[in-house]
N, C-alpha and C. Protein backbone atom coordinates (compact mmCIF):
# COMPACT_ATOMS: atom_id res chain seq x y z
N MET A 1 0.76 -1.14 0.04
CA MET A 1 -0.08 0.01 -0.04
C MET A 1 0.79 1.21 -0.11
N ARG A 2 0.78 2.15 -0.92
CA ARG A 2 1.31 3.47 -1.08
C ARG A 2 1.20 4.36 0.03
N LEU A 3 1.99 5.07 0.33
CA LEU A 3 2.10 6.32 1.37
C LEU A 3 0.86 7.25 1.05
N LYS A 4 -0.19 7.56 1.80
CA LYS A 4 -1.20 8.58 1.29
C LYS A 4 -0.76 9.89 1.82
N ILE A 5 -0.65 11.00 0.93
CA ILE A 5 -0.10 12.21 1.26
C ILE A 5 -1.10 13.26 0.84
N TYR A 6 -1.31 14.19 2.08
CA TYR A 6 -2.35 15.27 1.90
C TYR A 6 -1.60 16.52 1.79
N LEU A 7 -1.51 17.48 0.76
CA LEU A 7 -0.74 18.67 0.67
C LEU A 7 -1.33 19.94 1.01
N VAL A 8 -0.86 20.69 1.76
CA VAL A 8 -1.39 21.93 2.14
C VAL A 8 -0.32 23.01 1.70
N GLU A 9 -0.84 23.55 0.49
CA GLU A 9 0.17 24.52 -0.17
C GLU A 9 -0.69 25.41 -1.18
N ASP A 10 -0.59 26.77 -0.81
CA ASP A 10 -1.33 27.68 -1.71
C ASP A 10 -0.82 27.94 -2.96
N ASN A 11 0.62 27.81 -3.33
CA ASN A 11 1.36 28.07 -4.59
C ASN A 11 0.95 27.02 -5.55
N ALA A 12 0.08 27.18 -6.52
CA ALA A 12 -0.21 25.89 -7.61
C ALA A 12 1.00 25.32 -8.06
N VAL A 13 1.68 26.07 -8.64
CA VAL A 13 3.17 25.73 -9.08
C VAL A 13 4.17 24.63 -8.32
N ILE A 14 4.11 25.08 -7.01
CA ILE A 14 4.98 24.14 -6.24
C ILE A 14 3.97 22.95 -5.70
N ARG A 15 2.78 23.11 -5.53
CA ARG A 15 1.76 22.29 -5.07
C ARG A 15 1.95 20.96 -6.01
N ASP A 16 1.78 21.56 -7.33
CA ASP A 16 1.84 20.42 -8.56
C ASP A 16 3.00 19.82 -8.73
N ASN A 17 4.35 20.57 -8.70
CA ASN A 17 5.38 19.96 -8.79
C ASN A 17 5.83 18.89 -7.67
N LEU A 18 5.49 19.25 -6.47
CA LEU A 18 5.52 18.60 -5.32
C LEU A 18 4.85 17.29 -5.50
N ALA A 19 3.38 17.22 -5.83
CA ALA A 19 2.57 16.18 -5.95
C ALA A 19 3.46 15.07 -6.94
N ALA A 20 3.85 15.74 -8.07
CA ALA A 20 4.42 14.84 -9.09
C ALA A 20 5.79 14.25 -8.59
N SER A 21 6.62 15.06 -7.85
CA SER A 21 8.08 14.55 -7.22
C SER A 21 7.54 13.36 -6.14
N MET A 22 6.54 13.66 -5.45
CA MET A 22 6.23 12.77 -4.28
C MET A 22 5.61 11.37 -4.86
N GLU A 23 5.07 11.62 -5.77
CA GLU A 23 4.25 10.43 -6.64
C GLU A 23 5.32 9.57 -7.18
N GLU A 24 6.16 10.06 -7.88
CA GLU A 24 7.26 9.40 -8.67
C GLU A 24 8.46 9.05 -7.66
N MET A 25 8.93 9.90 -6.93
CA MET A 25 10.14 9.65 -6.19
C MET A 25 9.99 8.74 -4.69
N VAL A 26 8.84 8.99 -4.17
CA VAL A 26 8.59 8.32 -2.97
C VAL A 26 7.52 7.15 -3.23
N HIS A 27 7.04 7.06 -4.43
CA HIS A 27 5.86 6.01 -4.68
C HIS A 27 4.80 6.16 -3.91
N ALA A 28 4.40 7.41 -3.70
CA ALA A 28 3.26 7.77 -2.79
C ALA A 28 2.10 8.17 -3.56
N LYS A 29 0.81 8.50 -3.01
CA LYS A 29 -0.15 8.74 -3.69
C LYS A 29 -0.86 9.98 -3.00
N VAL A 30 -0.97 11.20 -3.77
CA VAL A 30 -1.58 12.36 -3.19
C VAL A 30 -2.92 12.21 -3.03
N VAL A 31 -3.59 12.33 -2.10
CA VAL A 31 -5.16 11.78 -1.87
C VAL A 31 -5.73 13.23 -1.85
N GLY A 32 -5.30 14.51 -1.90
CA GLY A 32 -6.25 15.67 -1.95
C GLY A 32 -5.04 16.88 -1.42
N SER A 33 -5.58 17.95 -1.58
CA SER A 33 -4.81 19.23 -1.08
C SER A 33 -5.83 20.63 -0.86
N ALA A 34 -5.22 21.40 -0.09
CA ALA A 34 -5.79 22.63 0.15
C ALA A 34 -5.11 23.68 0.21
N THR A 35 -5.59 24.85 0.04
CA THR A 35 -4.85 26.17 -0.16
C THR A 35 -5.09 27.00 1.14
N THR A 36 -5.93 26.59 1.93
CA THR A 36 -6.22 27.48 3.19
C THR A 36 -6.28 26.41 4.24
N GLU A 37 -6.36 27.13 5.64
CA GLU A 37 -6.22 26.42 6.75
C GLU A 37 -7.57 25.73 7.04
N ALA A 38 -8.72 26.57 6.81
CA ALA A 38 -10.11 26.07 7.09
C ALA A 38 -10.29 24.75 6.13
N ASP A 39 -9.98 24.85 4.82
CA ASP A 39 -10.24 23.70 3.92
C ASP A 39 -9.52 22.57 4.32
N ALA A 40 -7.94 22.72 4.96
CA ALA A 40 -7.05 21.69 5.09
C ALA A 40 -7.57 20.97 6.41
N THR A 41 -8.06 21.89 7.41
CA THR A 41 -8.61 21.33 8.73
C THR A 41 -9.99 20.45 8.58
N ALA A 42 -10.78 21.00 8.00
CA ALA A 42 -12.13 20.08 7.45
C ALA A 42 -11.64 19.04 6.86
N TRP A 43 -10.92 18.85 5.77
CA TRP A 43 -10.88 17.43 5.12
C TRP A 43 -9.79 16.53 6.05
N LEU A 44 -8.68 17.34 6.60
CA LEU A 44 -8.12 16.14 7.61
C LEU A 44 -8.76 15.42 8.73
N ARG A 45 -9.86 16.53 9.52
CA ARG A 45 -10.80 15.93 10.32
C ARG A 45 -11.71 15.08 9.78
N ALA A 46 -12.32 15.23 8.52
CA ALA A 46 -13.40 14.40 7.96
C ALA A 46 -12.77 13.11 7.38
N HIS A 47 -11.54 13.04 7.20
CA HIS A 47 -11.07 11.91 6.47
C HIS A 47 -9.69 11.26 7.39
N PRO A 48 -9.97 11.00 8.54
CA PRO A 48 -8.92 10.75 9.66
C PRO A 48 -7.96 9.48 9.16
N ASP A 49 -8.79 8.56 8.48
CA ASP A 49 -8.05 7.32 8.05
C ASP A 49 -7.65 7.25 6.63
N GLU A 50 -7.55 8.29 5.98
CA GLU A 50 -7.24 8.25 4.72
C GLU A 50 -5.96 9.29 4.24
N TRP A 51 -5.24 9.56 5.26
CA TRP A 51 -3.83 9.95 5.22
C TRP A 51 -2.99 9.34 6.00
N ASP A 52 -1.39 9.49 5.52
CA ASP A 52 -0.45 9.11 6.34
C ASP A 52 0.57 10.03 6.81
N LEU A 53 0.65 11.04 5.83
CA LEU A 53 1.67 12.08 5.86
C LEU A 53 0.82 13.48 5.14
N ALA A 54 0.93 14.45 6.10
CA ALA A 54 0.36 15.77 5.60
C ALA A 54 1.63 16.64 5.61
N VAL A 55 1.79 17.17 4.48
CA VAL A 55 2.83 18.25 4.00
C VAL A 55 2.20 19.68 4.04
N VAL A 56 2.61 20.54 5.08
CA VAL A 56 1.97 21.68 5.38
C VAL A 56 2.88 22.92 5.26
N ASP A 57 2.58 23.89 4.53
CA ASP A 57 3.01 25.26 4.17
C ASP A 57 2.80 26.12 5.50
N LEU A 58 3.63 26.99 5.81
CA LEU A 58 3.08 28.01 6.95
C LEU A 58 2.00 29.03 6.23
N PHE A 59 2.69 29.52 5.36
CA PHE A 59 1.86 30.86 4.75
C PHE A 59 0.63 30.24 3.91
N LEU A 60 -0.60 30.41 4.19
CA LEU A 60 -1.68 30.03 3.15
C LEU A 60 -2.38 31.08 2.86
N LEU A 61 -3.42 31.02 1.69
CA LEU A 61 -4.08 31.88 1.26
C LEU A 61 -5.04 32.56 2.41
N GLN A 62 -5.53 31.76 3.18
CA GLN A 62 -6.21 31.89 4.40
C GLN A 62 -5.70 31.19 5.52
N GLY A 63 -5.35 31.96 6.96
CA GLY A 63 -4.98 31.11 7.85
C GLY A 63 -3.53 30.86 7.89
N ASN A 64 -3.08 29.79 8.52
CA ASN A 64 -1.53 29.39 8.40
C ASN A 64 -1.49 27.98 8.92
N GLY A 65 -0.24 27.50 8.64
CA GLY A 65 0.08 25.96 8.49
C GLY A 65 -0.12 25.58 10.22
N LEU A 66 0.32 26.72 11.22
CA LEU A 66 0.22 26.25 12.59
C LEU A 66 -1.24 25.96 12.88
N GLY A 67 -2.13 26.40 12.44
CA GLY A 67 -3.59 26.10 12.58
C GLY A 67 -3.83 24.79 12.41
N VAL A 68 -3.28 24.46 11.06
CA VAL A 68 -3.43 23.18 10.56
C VAL A 68 -2.86 22.20 11.47
N LEU A 69 -1.52 22.46 11.81
CA LEU A 69 -0.99 21.43 12.77
C LEU A 69 -1.67 21.32 14.25
N ASN A 70 -2.22 22.53 14.83
CA ASN A 70 -2.89 22.42 15.91
C ASN A 70 -4.30 21.51 15.91
N SER A 71 -4.82 21.54 14.46
CA SER A 71 -6.40 20.84 14.42
C SER A 71 -5.66 19.25 14.31
N CYS A 72 -4.75 18.81 14.08
CA CYS A 72 -4.39 17.58 13.93
C CYS A 72 -3.68 16.94 15.24
N ARG A 73 -3.70 17.71 16.38
CA ARG A 73 -2.83 17.16 17.47
C ARG A 73 -3.32 15.84 17.93
N GLU A 74 -4.57 15.55 17.85
CA GLU A 74 -5.24 14.20 18.01
C GLU A 74 -5.19 13.00 17.25
N ARG A 75 -4.24 13.21 16.20
CA ARG A 75 -4.21 12.17 15.17
C ARG A 75 -3.30 10.83 15.67
N ARG A 76 -3.54 9.74 14.60
CA ARG A 76 -3.01 8.44 15.11
C ARG A 76 -1.41 8.78 15.16
N SER A 77 -0.73 7.88 15.97
CA SER A 77 0.57 7.99 15.92
C SER A 77 1.57 7.77 14.87
N GLU A 78 1.03 6.80 14.07
CA GLU A 78 1.63 6.59 12.88
C GLU A 78 1.42 7.90 11.73
N GLN A 79 0.44 8.45 11.95
CA GLN A 79 0.34 9.71 10.99
C GLN A 79 1.48 10.82 11.28
N LYS A 80 1.91 11.32 10.24
CA LYS A 80 3.09 12.38 10.42
C LYS A 80 2.58 13.30 9.70
N MET A 81 3.03 14.62 10.50
CA MET A 81 2.76 16.08 9.75
C MET A 81 4.33 16.73 9.68
N VAL A 82 4.58 17.29 8.51
CA VAL A 82 5.76 17.60 8.21
C VAL A 82 5.51 19.13 7.66
N VAL A 83 6.21 20.20 8.20
CA VAL A 83 6.16 21.65 7.64
C VAL A 83 7.31 21.64 6.41
N PHE A 84 6.76 22.21 5.26
CA PHE A 84 7.69 22.56 4.24
C PHE A 84 7.52 23.78 4.03
N THR A 85 8.46 24.74 4.25
CA THR A 85 8.25 25.98 4.16
C THR A 85 9.58 26.88 3.71
N ASN A 86 9.34 28.17 3.20
CA ASN A 86 10.44 29.04 3.15
C ASN A 86 10.81 29.87 4.55
N TYR A 87 10.27 29.66 5.27
CA TYR A 87 10.12 30.36 6.68
C TYR A 87 10.74 29.52 7.53
N ALA A 88 11.91 28.71 7.62
CA ALA A 88 12.31 27.83 8.66
C ALA A 88 13.21 28.34 9.43
N THR A 89 13.07 29.35 10.20
CA THR A 89 14.01 29.91 10.97
C THR A 89 13.86 28.97 12.37
N PRO A 90 14.98 29.21 13.07
CA PRO A 90 15.03 28.36 14.26
C PRO A 90 14.03 28.56 15.40
N VAL A 91 13.43 29.73 15.49
CA VAL A 91 12.36 29.95 16.22
C VAL A 91 11.16 29.21 15.74
N MET A 92 10.97 29.49 14.32
CA MET A 92 9.79 28.81 13.74
C MET A 92 9.73 27.34 13.90
N ARG A 93 11.02 26.67 13.67
CA ARG A 93 11.22 25.50 13.58
C ARG A 93 10.40 24.94 15.08
N GLU A 94 10.95 25.46 16.07
CA GLU A 94 10.69 25.24 17.48
C GLU A 94 8.99 25.11 17.82
N ARG A 95 8.61 26.31 17.19
CA ARG A 95 7.15 26.54 17.29
C ARG A 95 6.53 25.51 16.51
N CYS A 96 6.93 25.19 15.36
CA CYS A 96 6.11 24.03 14.64
C CYS A 96 6.14 22.76 15.27
N LEU A 97 7.30 22.29 15.85
CA LEU A 97 7.40 21.15 16.61
C LEU A 97 6.48 21.14 17.88
N ALA A 98 6.49 22.25 18.53
CA ALA A 98 5.72 22.52 19.65
C ALA A 98 4.24 22.42 19.30
N TRP A 99 3.76 22.81 18.25
CA TRP A 99 2.36 22.53 17.99
C TRP A 99 2.00 21.39 16.97
N GLY A 100 3.00 20.36 16.92
CA GLY A 100 2.56 18.82 16.60
C GLY A 100 3.40 18.41 15.38
N ALA A 101 4.09 19.45 14.82
CA ALA A 101 4.95 19.01 13.59
C ALA A 101 6.04 17.79 13.78
N ASN A 102 6.18 16.83 13.05
CA ASN A 102 7.25 15.73 13.22
C ASN A 102 8.23 16.23 12.94
N ALA A 103 8.46 17.28 11.95
CA ALA A 103 9.82 17.60 11.11
C ALA A 103 9.39 18.92 10.42
N VAL A 104 10.53 19.62 10.29
CA VAL A 104 10.34 20.95 9.73
C VAL A 104 11.43 21.03 8.49
N PHE A 105 11.20 21.38 7.25
CA PHE A 105 11.95 21.57 6.33
C PHE A 105 12.01 22.96 5.62
N ASP A 106 12.97 23.30 5.20
CA ASP A 106 13.22 24.59 4.31
C ASP A 106 12.97 24.10 2.98
N LYS A 107 12.09 24.67 2.21
CA LYS A 107 11.76 24.60 0.66
C LYS A 107 12.98 24.82 -0.13
N SER A 108 13.87 25.90 0.41
CA SER A 108 14.90 26.37 -0.48
C SER A 108 16.11 25.49 -0.40
N ASN A 109 16.52 24.85 0.87
CA ASN A 109 17.82 24.05 0.89
C ASN A 109 17.62 23.08 1.68
N GLU A 110 16.45 22.35 1.88
CA GLU A 110 16.46 21.28 2.47
C GLU A 110 15.46 20.21 1.71
N ILE A 111 15.56 19.97 0.39
CA ILE A 111 14.49 19.51 -0.43
C ILE A 111 15.07 17.96 -0.21
N GLU A 112 16.33 17.55 -0.51
CA GLU A 112 16.67 16.23 -0.42
C GLU A 112 16.41 15.70 1.15
N ALA A 113 16.60 16.35 2.10
CA ALA A 113 16.25 15.82 3.47
C ALA A 113 14.79 15.70 3.45
N PHE A 114 13.86 16.57 2.85
CA PHE A 114 12.46 16.08 2.99
C PHE A 114 12.26 15.05 2.14
N MET A 115 12.52 14.84 1.00
CA MET A 115 12.34 13.66 0.26
C MET A 115 12.84 12.35 0.97
N LYS A 116 13.90 12.50 1.68
CA LYS A 116 14.48 11.23 2.48
C LYS A 116 13.33 10.92 3.48
N TYR A 117 13.10 11.90 4.25
CA TYR A 117 12.12 11.72 5.20
C TYR A 117 10.84 11.06 4.68
N ALA A 118 10.34 11.31 3.48
CA ALA A 118 9.11 11.12 2.94
C ALA A 118 9.14 9.55 2.52
N ILE A 119 10.43 9.23 2.00
CA ILE A 119 10.68 8.04 1.48
C ILE A 119 10.85 7.02 2.49
N GLU A 120 11.42 7.54 3.79
CA GLU A 120 11.63 6.53 5.06
C GLU A 120 10.09 6.47 5.50
N ALA A 121 9.12 7.38 5.57
CA ALA A 121 7.80 7.30 5.76
C ALA A 121 7.10 6.12 5.31
N ALA A 122 7.31 6.29 3.80
CA ALA A 122 6.79 5.29 3.00
C ALA A 122 7.32 4.01 3.26
N ALA A 123 8.33 3.68 3.55
CA ALA A 123 8.79 2.42 3.99
C ALA A 123 8.56 1.96 5.33
N GLU A 124 8.22 2.84 6.30
CA GLU A 124 7.62 2.53 7.59
C GLU A 124 6.22 2.24 7.25
N ARG A 125 5.61 2.68 6.40
CA ARG A 125 4.11 2.33 6.22
C ARG A 125 4.11 1.06 5.40
N ALA A 126 5.02 0.86 4.43
CA ALA A 126 5.16 -0.62 3.83
C ALA A 126 5.22 -1.60 4.79
N ARG A 127 6.40 -1.33 6.04
CA ARG A 127 6.57 -2.46 6.89
C ARG A 127 5.39 -2.49 7.98
N ALA A 128 4.51 -1.62 8.25
CA ALA A 128 3.47 -1.73 8.99
C ALA A 128 2.40 -2.56 8.42
N THR A 129 2.27 -2.40 7.18
CA THR A 129 1.32 -3.10 6.36
C THR A 129 1.51 -4.62 5.91
N GLY A 130 2.89 -4.88 6.08
CA GLY A 130 3.26 -6.29 5.79
C GLY A 130 3.69 -6.43 4.32
N LEU A 131 4.02 -5.19 3.51
CA LEU A 131 4.37 -5.21 2.21
C LEU A 131 5.77 -5.31 1.96
N VAL A 132 6.51 -5.43 3.17
CA VAL A 132 8.08 -5.49 2.93
C VAL A 132 8.42 -6.70 3.78
């Protein structure tokens, strides 16, 4: 079973490129996306069993990624939330982790580390479902 990813990103070019990269390189399935905090929160809450990894940007068309993180504090332990942002300052990294992120990556210089994290999450999912 492929890793199910939900993207929270308001930039269409980044979202589309990220979705294509995740499906190809991570062998994941992007199950949906949102451009606002409200839409992301509503979908993630309404579909608690339909995602394994949420990739969240901090700056959205409405609201922000911290609100999305906060709304998913009660998720299953195997569900991961990753912040993928251009604003990964040390203070913001701490804040994201405190609000429930499992990891924080800078879009401009930590793309390889982000992909490695996603590939490992996919491998963990495969092991948990007995596919490896």
